[in-house]
Amino acid sequence: MTATTTTPSLYQQVLGADFARLDPAVRRFHRLAGHHLLHGWVETTAPRSLPARLLARWLGSPVQGGSGPFRFELRAAPGHETWTRFFPSRTMRSTLRLRHREIVESLGPARVIFRMAVSGNRLVMGLGRLYVLGIRCPALLAPRIEAEEWGADDRLFFRIEASVPWVGVVAHYSGHLDMPAEQPA
């Protein structure tokens, strides 16, 4: 059973009326409440440089390339969510909170504040601001973060890439999650 809540989710609060433009699978995912374990498939690309691998390890993102089964654990409550991604070779956990109508993702020592938009029926996210150990990252050193989600039938597809100037790609993965059927209220 897929539990959803009548309280607007983090993403509904940030996107407002644009939330309704998202693919049904994306809307369903971002309305989930409570505890859920979703399954799917993921492909990861290994960081190429030693500094990129060290940074990936520090942040908890995959350091090996490959593909395989993917599990995603969601714990969603009003005001915050915990995402645990079980890659074939690594587990990565982050916490998302709503702050001033922005979503802040805490990932290890980093706090990422995302810019969000709906493009067509896709959710598109990029870096708004980054804080590392509480210090704002200067624009010259700021990573490029691109993430998008879209749906097809009962699958949520995703693609994430983060690269740092002079270091290279630190995280790159894509895949899908199989969404459980939505239960009538």
C-alpha atoms as a PDB file:
ATOM      1  CA  MET A   1       0.000   0.000   0.000  1.00  0.00           C
ATOM      2  CA  THR A   2       1.245   3.467  -0.819  1.00  0.00           C
ATOM      3  CA  ALA A   3       0.608   5.924   1.973  1.00  0.00           C
ATOM      4  CA  THR A   4       0.221   9.533   1.019  1.00  0.00           C
ATOM      5  CA  THR A   5      -0.575  12.459   3.219  1.00  0.00           C
ATOM      6  CA  THR A   6      -3.018  15.329   2.974  1.00  0.00           C
ATOM      7  CA  THR A   7      -0.282  17.621   4.344  1.00  0.00           C
ATOM      8  CA  PRO A   8       1.577  19.066   1.362  1.00  0.00           C
ATOM      9  CA  SER A   9       4.967  17.405   0.863  1.00  0.00           C
ATOM     10  CA  LEU A  10       8.251  19.317   0.776  1.00  0.00           C
ATOM     11  CA  TYR A  11       8.148  19.345  -3.020  1.00  0.00           C
ATOM     12  CA  GLN A  12       4.499  20.406  -3.174  1.00  0.00           C
ATOM     13  CA  GLN A  13       5.269  23.332  -0.879  1.00  0.00           C
ATOM     14  CA  VAL A  14       8.251  24.478  -2.955  1.00  0.00           C
ATOM     15  CA  LEU A  15       6.743  23.955  -6.414  1.00  0.00           C
ATOM     16  CA  GLY A  16       3.218  25.156  -5.612  1.00  0.00           C
ATOM     17  CA  ALA A  17       0.828  24.917  -8.575  1.00  0.00           C
ATOM     18  CA  ASP A  18       3.653  23.648 -10.841  1.00  0.00           C
ATOM     19  CA  PHE A  19       3.635  20.365  -8.884  1.00  0.00           C
ATOM     20  CA  ALA A  20       0.493  19.343 -10.822  1.00  0.00           C
ATOM     21  CA  ARG A  21       2.452  19.540 -14.117  1.00  0.00           C
ATOM     22  CA  LEU A  22       4.837  16.710 -13.104  1.00  0.00           C
ATOM     23  CA  ASP A  23       4.504  13.174 -14.485  1.00  0.00           C
ATOM     24  CA  PRO A  24       2.091  11.095 -12.353  1.00  0.00           C
ATOM     25  CA  ALA A  25       4.919   8.809 -11.108  1.00  0.00           C
ATOM     26  CA  VAL A  26       6.961  11.832  -9.976  1.00  0.00           C
ATOM     27  CA  ARG A  27       3.964  13.340  -8.176  1.00  0.00           C
ATOM     28  CA  ARG A  28       3.214   9.993  -6.530  1.00  0.00           C
ATOM     29  CA  PHE A  29       6.829   9.646  -5.318  1.00  0.00           C
ATOM     30  CA  HIS A  30       6.913  13.159  -3.858  1.00  0.00           C
ATOM     31  CA  ARG A  31       3.582  12.686  -2.054  1.00  0.00           C
ATOM     32  CA  LEU A  32       4.642   9.508  -0.214  1.00  0.00           C
ATOM     33  CA  ALA A  33       4.421   9.720   3.574  1.00  0.00           C
ATOM     34  CA  GLY A  34       5.764   7.374   6.214  1.00  0.00           C
ATOM     35  CA  HIS A  35       8.231   4.578   5.560  1.00  0.00           C
ATOM     36  CA  HIS A  36       8.688   3.021   2.101  1.00  0.00           C
ATOM     37  CA  LEU A  37      11.220   0.699   0.510  1.00  0.00           C
ATOM     38  CA  LEU A  38      11.297   1.039  -3.280  1.00  0.00           C
ATOM     39  CA  HIS A  39      13.209  -1.116  -5.755  1.00  0.00           C
ATOM     40  CA  GLY A  40      14.671  -0.424  -9.151  1.00  0.00           C
ATOM     41  CA  TRP A  41      17.864  -0.385 -11.196  1.00  0.00           C
ATOM     42  CA  VAL A  42      20.814   1.993 -11.229  1.00  0.00           C
ATOM     43  CA  GLU A  43      23.903   2.707 -13.313  1.00  0.00           C
ATOM     44  CA  THR A  44      26.810   4.528 -11.687  1.00  0.00           C
ATOM     45  CA  THR A  45      29.899   6.095 -13.200  1.00  0.00           C
ATOM     46  CA  ALA A  46      33.117   6.033 -11.180  1.00  0.00           C
ATOM     47  CA  PRO A  47      34.831   9.358 -10.527  1.00  0.00           C
ATOM     48  CA  ARG A  48      37.961   9.490 -12.712  1.00  0.00           C
ATOM     49  CA  SER A  49      40.380  11.575 -10.670  1.00  0.00           C
ATOM     50  CA  LEU A  50      41.763  10.813  -7.234  1.00  0.00           C
ATOM     51  CA  PRO A  51      40.403  14.097  -5.777  1.00  0.00           C
ATOM     52  CA  ALA A  52      36.943  13.279  -7.210  1.00  0.00           C
ATOM     53  CA  ARG A  53      37.038   9.774  -5.684  1.00  0.00           C
ATOM     54  CA  LEU A  54      38.104  11.149  -2.296  1.00  0.00           C
ATOM     55  CA  LEU A  55      35.364  13.770  -2.386  1.00  0.00           C
ATOM     56  CA  ALA A  56      32.783  11.152  -3.424  1.00  0.00           C
ATOM     57  CA  ARG A  57      33.838   8.913  -0.523  1.00  0.00           C
ATOM     58  CA  TRP A  58      33.631  11.879   1.890  1.00  0.00           C
ATOM     59  CA  LEU A  59      30.092  12.693   0.718  1.00  0.00           C
ATOM     60  CA  GLY A  60      28.972   9.052   0.619  1.00  0.00           C
ATOM     61  CA  SER A  61      28.291   8.860  -3.127  1.00  0.00           C
ATOM     62  CA  PRO A  62      29.307   5.840  -5.258  1.00  0.00           C
ATOM     63  CA  VAL A  63      33.019   5.503  -6.009  1.00  0.00           C
ATOM     64  CA  GLN A  64      32.700   2.520  -8.361  1.00  0.00           C
ATOM     65  CA  GLY A  65      31.052   2.349 -11.751  1.00  0.00           C
ATOM     66  CA  GLY A  66      28.619  -0.361 -12.740  1.00  0.00           C
ATOM     67  CA  SER A  67      24.974  -1.258 -12.768  1.00  0.00           C
ATOM     68  CA  GLY A  68      22.682  -3.376 -10.698  1.00  0.00           C
ATOM     69  CA  PRO A  69      19.653  -3.563  -8.449  1.00  0.00           C
ATOM     70  CA  PHE A  70      18.870  -0.414  -6.506  1.00  0.00           C
ATOM     71  CA  ARG A  71      16.920  -0.004  -3.288  1.00  0.00           C
ATOM     72  CA  PHE A  72      15.659   3.306  -2.016  1.00  0.00           C
ATOM     73  CA  GLU A  73      14.373   3.754   1.527  1.00  0.00           C
ATOM     74  CA  LEU A  74      12.202   6.778   2.189  1.00  0.00           C
ATOM     75  CA  ARG A  75      11.143   8.030   5.596  1.00  0.00           C
ATOM     76  CA  ALA A  76       8.871  11.009   4.992  1.00  0.00           C
ATOM     77  CA  ALA A  77       7.336  13.112   7.740  1.00  0.00           C
ATOM     78  CA  PRO A  78       5.912  16.627   7.659  1.00  0.00           C
ATOM     79  CA  GLY A  79       8.844  19.014   7.286  1.00  0.00           C
ATOM     80  CA  HIS A  80      11.603  16.484   6.582  1.00  0.00           C
ATOM     81  CA  GLU A  81      12.528  13.318   4.701  1.00  0.00           C
ATOM     82  CA  THR A  82      15.375  10.822   5.010  1.00  0.00           C
ATOM     83  CA  TRP A  83      16.562   9.198   1.796  1.00  0.00           C
ATOM     84  CA  THR A  84      18.768   6.119   1.931  1.00  0.00           C
ATOM     85  CA  ARG A  85      20.077   4.940  -1.426  1.00  0.00           C
ATOM     86  CA  PHE A  86      21.406   1.376  -1.548  1.00  0.00           C
ATOM     87  CA  PHE A  87      23.693   1.254  -4.581  1.00  0.00           C
ATOM     88  CA  PRO A  88      25.290  -2.089  -5.545  1.00  0.00           C
ATOM     89  CA  SER A  89      28.581  -1.023  -3.918  1.00  0.00           C
ATOM     90  CA  ARG A  90      27.677   1.717  -1.432  1.00  0.00           C
ATOM     91  CA  THR A  91      24.952   3.148   0.781  1.00  0.00           C
ATOM     92  CA  MET A  92      24.292   6.890   0.746  1.00  0.00           C
ATOM     93  CA  ARG A  93      21.994   8.667   3.200  1.00  0.00           C
ATOM     94  CA  SER A  94      20.765  12.233   3.190  1.00  0.00           C
ATOM     95  CA  THR A  95      18.148  14.302   4.968  1.00  0.00           C
ATOM     96  CA  LEU A  96      15.917  16.859   3.277  1.00  0.00           C
ATOM     97  CA  ARG A  97      14.236  19.715   5.128  1.00  0.00           C
ATOM     98  CA  LEU A  98      12.122  22.650   4.133  1.00  0.00           C
ATOM     99  CA  ARG A  99      13.674  25.997   5.026  1.00  0.00           C
ATOM    100  CA  HIS A 100      12.238  29.295   3.756  1.00  0.00           C
ATOM    101  CA  ARG A 101      10.412  27.576   0.851  1.00  0.00           C
ATOM    102  CA  GLU A 102      13.637  25.876  -0.258  1.00  0.00           C
ATOM    103  CA  ILE A 103      14.691  22.262   0.083  1.00  0.00           C
ATOM    104  CA  VAL A 104      17.976  21.784   1.915  1.00  0.00           C
ATOM    105  CA  GLU A 105      19.662  18.402   1.532  1.00  0.00           C
ATOM    106  CA  SER A 106      22.188  17.434   4.211  1.00  0.00           C
ATOM    107  CA  LEU A 107      24.693  15.005   2.751  1.00  0.00           C
ATOM    108  CA  GLY A 108      27.601  14.260   5.049  1.00  0.00           C
ATOM    109  CA  PRO A 109      29.350  17.576   5.772  1.00  0.00           C
ATOM    110  CA  ALA A 110      27.556  19.361   2.910  1.00  0.00           C
ATOM    111  CA  ARG A 111      24.273  21.284   2.880  1.00  0.00           C
ATOM    112  CA  VAL A 112      22.877  21.701  -0.625  1.00  0.00           C
ATOM    113  CA  ILE A 113      20.093  24.175  -1.339  1.00  0.00           C
ATOM    114  CA  PHE A 114      18.431  23.347  -4.632  1.00  0.00           C
ATOM    115  CA  ARG A 115      16.887  25.465  -7.356  1.00  0.00           C
ATOM    116  CA  MET A 116      13.801  23.621  -8.611  1.00  0.00           C
ATOM    117  CA  ALA A 117      11.691  23.954 -11.694  1.00  0.00           C
ATOM    118  CA  VAL A 118       9.242  21.990 -13.757  1.00  0.00           C
ATOM    119  CA  SER A 119      10.268  21.673 -17.406  1.00  0.00           C
ATOM    120  CA  GLY A 120       7.515  20.073 -19.459  1.00  0.00           C
ATOM    121  CA  ASN A 121       6.519  17.312 -17.053  1.00  0.00           C
ATOM    122  CA  ARG A 122       9.981  16.765 -15.521  1.00  0.00           C
ATOM    123  CA  LEU A 123      11.347  17.929 -12.202  1.00  0.00           C
ATOM    124  CA  VAL A 124      14.665  19.697 -12.824  1.00  0.00           C
ATOM    125  CA  MET A 125      16.995  20.576  -9.956  1.00  0.00           C
ATOM    126  CA  GLY A 126      20.266  22.454  -9.820  1.00  0.00           C
ATOM    127  CA  LEU A 127      22.543  23.965  -7.233  1.00  0.00           C
ATOM    128  CA  GLY A 128      21.294  27.117  -5.592  1.00  0.00           C
ATOM    129  CA  ARG A 129      23.830  27.366  -2.756  1.00  0.00           C
ATOM    130  CA  LEU A 130      26.267  25.005  -1.071  1.00  0.00           C
ATOM    131  CA  TYR A 131      27.627  25.043   2.463  1.00  0.00           C
ATOM    132  CA  VAL A 132      30.461  22.750   3.560  1.00  0.00           C
ATOM    133  CA  LEU A 133      31.068  22.449   7.289  1.00  0.00           C
ATOM    134  CA  GLY A 134      28.769  25.480   7.667  1.00  0.00           C
ATOM    135  CA  ILE A 135      30.813  27.718   5.336  1.00  0.00           C
ATOM    136  CA  ARG A 136      29.248  28.945   2.110  1.00  0.00           C
ATOM    137  CA  CYS A 137      31.112  27.697  -0.941  1.00  0.00           C
ATOM    138  CA  PRO A 138      32.384  30.554  -3.125  1.00  0.00           C
ATOM    139  CA  ALA A 139      30.986  30.707  -6.652  1.00  0.00           C
ATOM    140  CA  LEU A 140      34.432  30.012  -8.136  1.00  0.00           C
ATOM    141  CA  LEU A 141      34.559  26.611  -6.407  1.00  0.00           C
ATOM    142  CA  ALA A 142      30.849  25.777  -6.543  1.00  0.00           C
ATOM    143  CA  PRO A 143      30.012  22.432  -8.122  1.00  0.00           C
ATOM    144  CA  ARG A 144      27.645  22.012 -11.018  1.00  0.00           C
ATOM    145  CA  ILE A 145      24.753  19.829  -9.918  1.00  0.00           C
ATOM    146  CA  GLU A 146      22.130  18.660 -12.385  1.00  0.00           C
ATOM    147  CA  ALA A 147      19.320  16.338 -11.404  1.00  0.00           C
ATOM    148  CA  GLU A 148      16.082  15.451 -13.091  1.00  0.00           C
ATOM    149  CA  GLU A 149      13.171  13.115 -12.506  1.00  0.00           C
ATOM    150  CA  TRP A 150      10.491  11.969 -14.910  1.00  0.00           C
ATOM    151  CA  GLY A 151       7.986   9.169 -15.097  1.00  0.00           C
ATOM    152  CA  ALA A 152       6.681   6.538 -17.464  1.00  0.00           C
ATOM    153  CA  ASP A 153       3.819   4.305 -16.355  1.00  0.00           C
ATOM    154  CA  ASP A 154       4.694   3.129 -12.829  1.00  0.00           C
ATOM    155  CA  ARG A 155       8.384   4.001 -12.987  1.00  0.00           C
ATOM    156  CA  LEU A 156      10.189   7.025 -11.651  1.00  0.00           C
ATOM    157  CA  PHE A 157      13.329   7.717 -13.694  1.00  0.00           C
ATOM    158  CA  PHE A 158      16.213   9.815 -12.379  1.00  0.00           C
ATOM    159  CA  ARG A 159      19.572  11.197 -13.474  1.00  0.00           C
ATOM    160  CA  ILE A 160      22.024  12.967 -11.179  1.00  0.00           C
ATOM    161  CA  GLU A 161      25.431  14.461 -11.959  1.00  0.00           C
ATOM    162  CA  ALA A 162      27.669  16.580  -9.738  1.00  0.00           C
ATOM    163  CA  SER A 163      31.023  17.932 -10.861  1.00  0.00           C
ATOM    164  CA  VAL A 164      33.512  20.239  -9.180  1.00  0.00           C
ATOM    165  CA  PRO A 165      35.795  22.698 -11.013  1.00  0.00           C
ATOM    166  CA  TRP A 166      39.340  21.339 -11.457  1.00  0.00           C
ATOM    167  CA  VAL A 167      38.283  18.029  -9.854  1.00  0.00           C
ATOM    168  CA  GLY A 168      35.800  16.564 -12.341  1.00  0.00           C
ATOM    169  CA  VAL A 169      32.670  14.477 -11.937  1.00  0.00           C
ATOM    170  CA  VAL A 170      32.204  13.446  -8.315  1.00  0.00           C
ATOM    171  CA  ALA A 171      28.844  11.690  -8.677  1.00  0.00           C
ATOM    172  CA  HIS A 172      26.946  10.430 -11.690  1.00  0.00           C
ATOM    173  CA  TYR A 173      24.125   7.925 -11.550  1.00  0.00           C
ATOM    174  CA  SER A 174      20.871   7.237 -13.318  1.00  0.00           C
ATOM    175  CA  GLY A 175      18.160   4.640 -13.229  1.00  0.00           C
ATOM    176  CA  HIS A 176      14.612   4.048 -12.132  1.00  0.00           C
ATOM    177  CA  LEU A 177      12.425   3.078  -9.193  1.00  0.00           C
ATOM    178  CA  ASP A 178       9.311   0.949  -9.539  1.00  0.00           C
ATOM    179  CA  MET A 179       6.456   2.843  -7.932  1.00  0.00           C
ATOM    180  CA  PRO A 180       3.795   0.907  -6.039  1.00  0.00           C
ATOM    181  CA  ALA A 181       0.207   1.393  -7.143  1.00  0.00           C
ATOM    182  CA  GLU A 182      -1.527   4.304  -5.495  1.00  0.00           C
ATOM    183  CA  GLN A 183      -4.322   3.232  -3.180  1.00  0.00           C
ATOM    184  CA  PRO A 184      -7.629   5.096  -3.194  1.00  0.00           C
ATOM    185  CA  ALA A 185      -8.174   7.263  -0.100  1.00  0.00           C
END
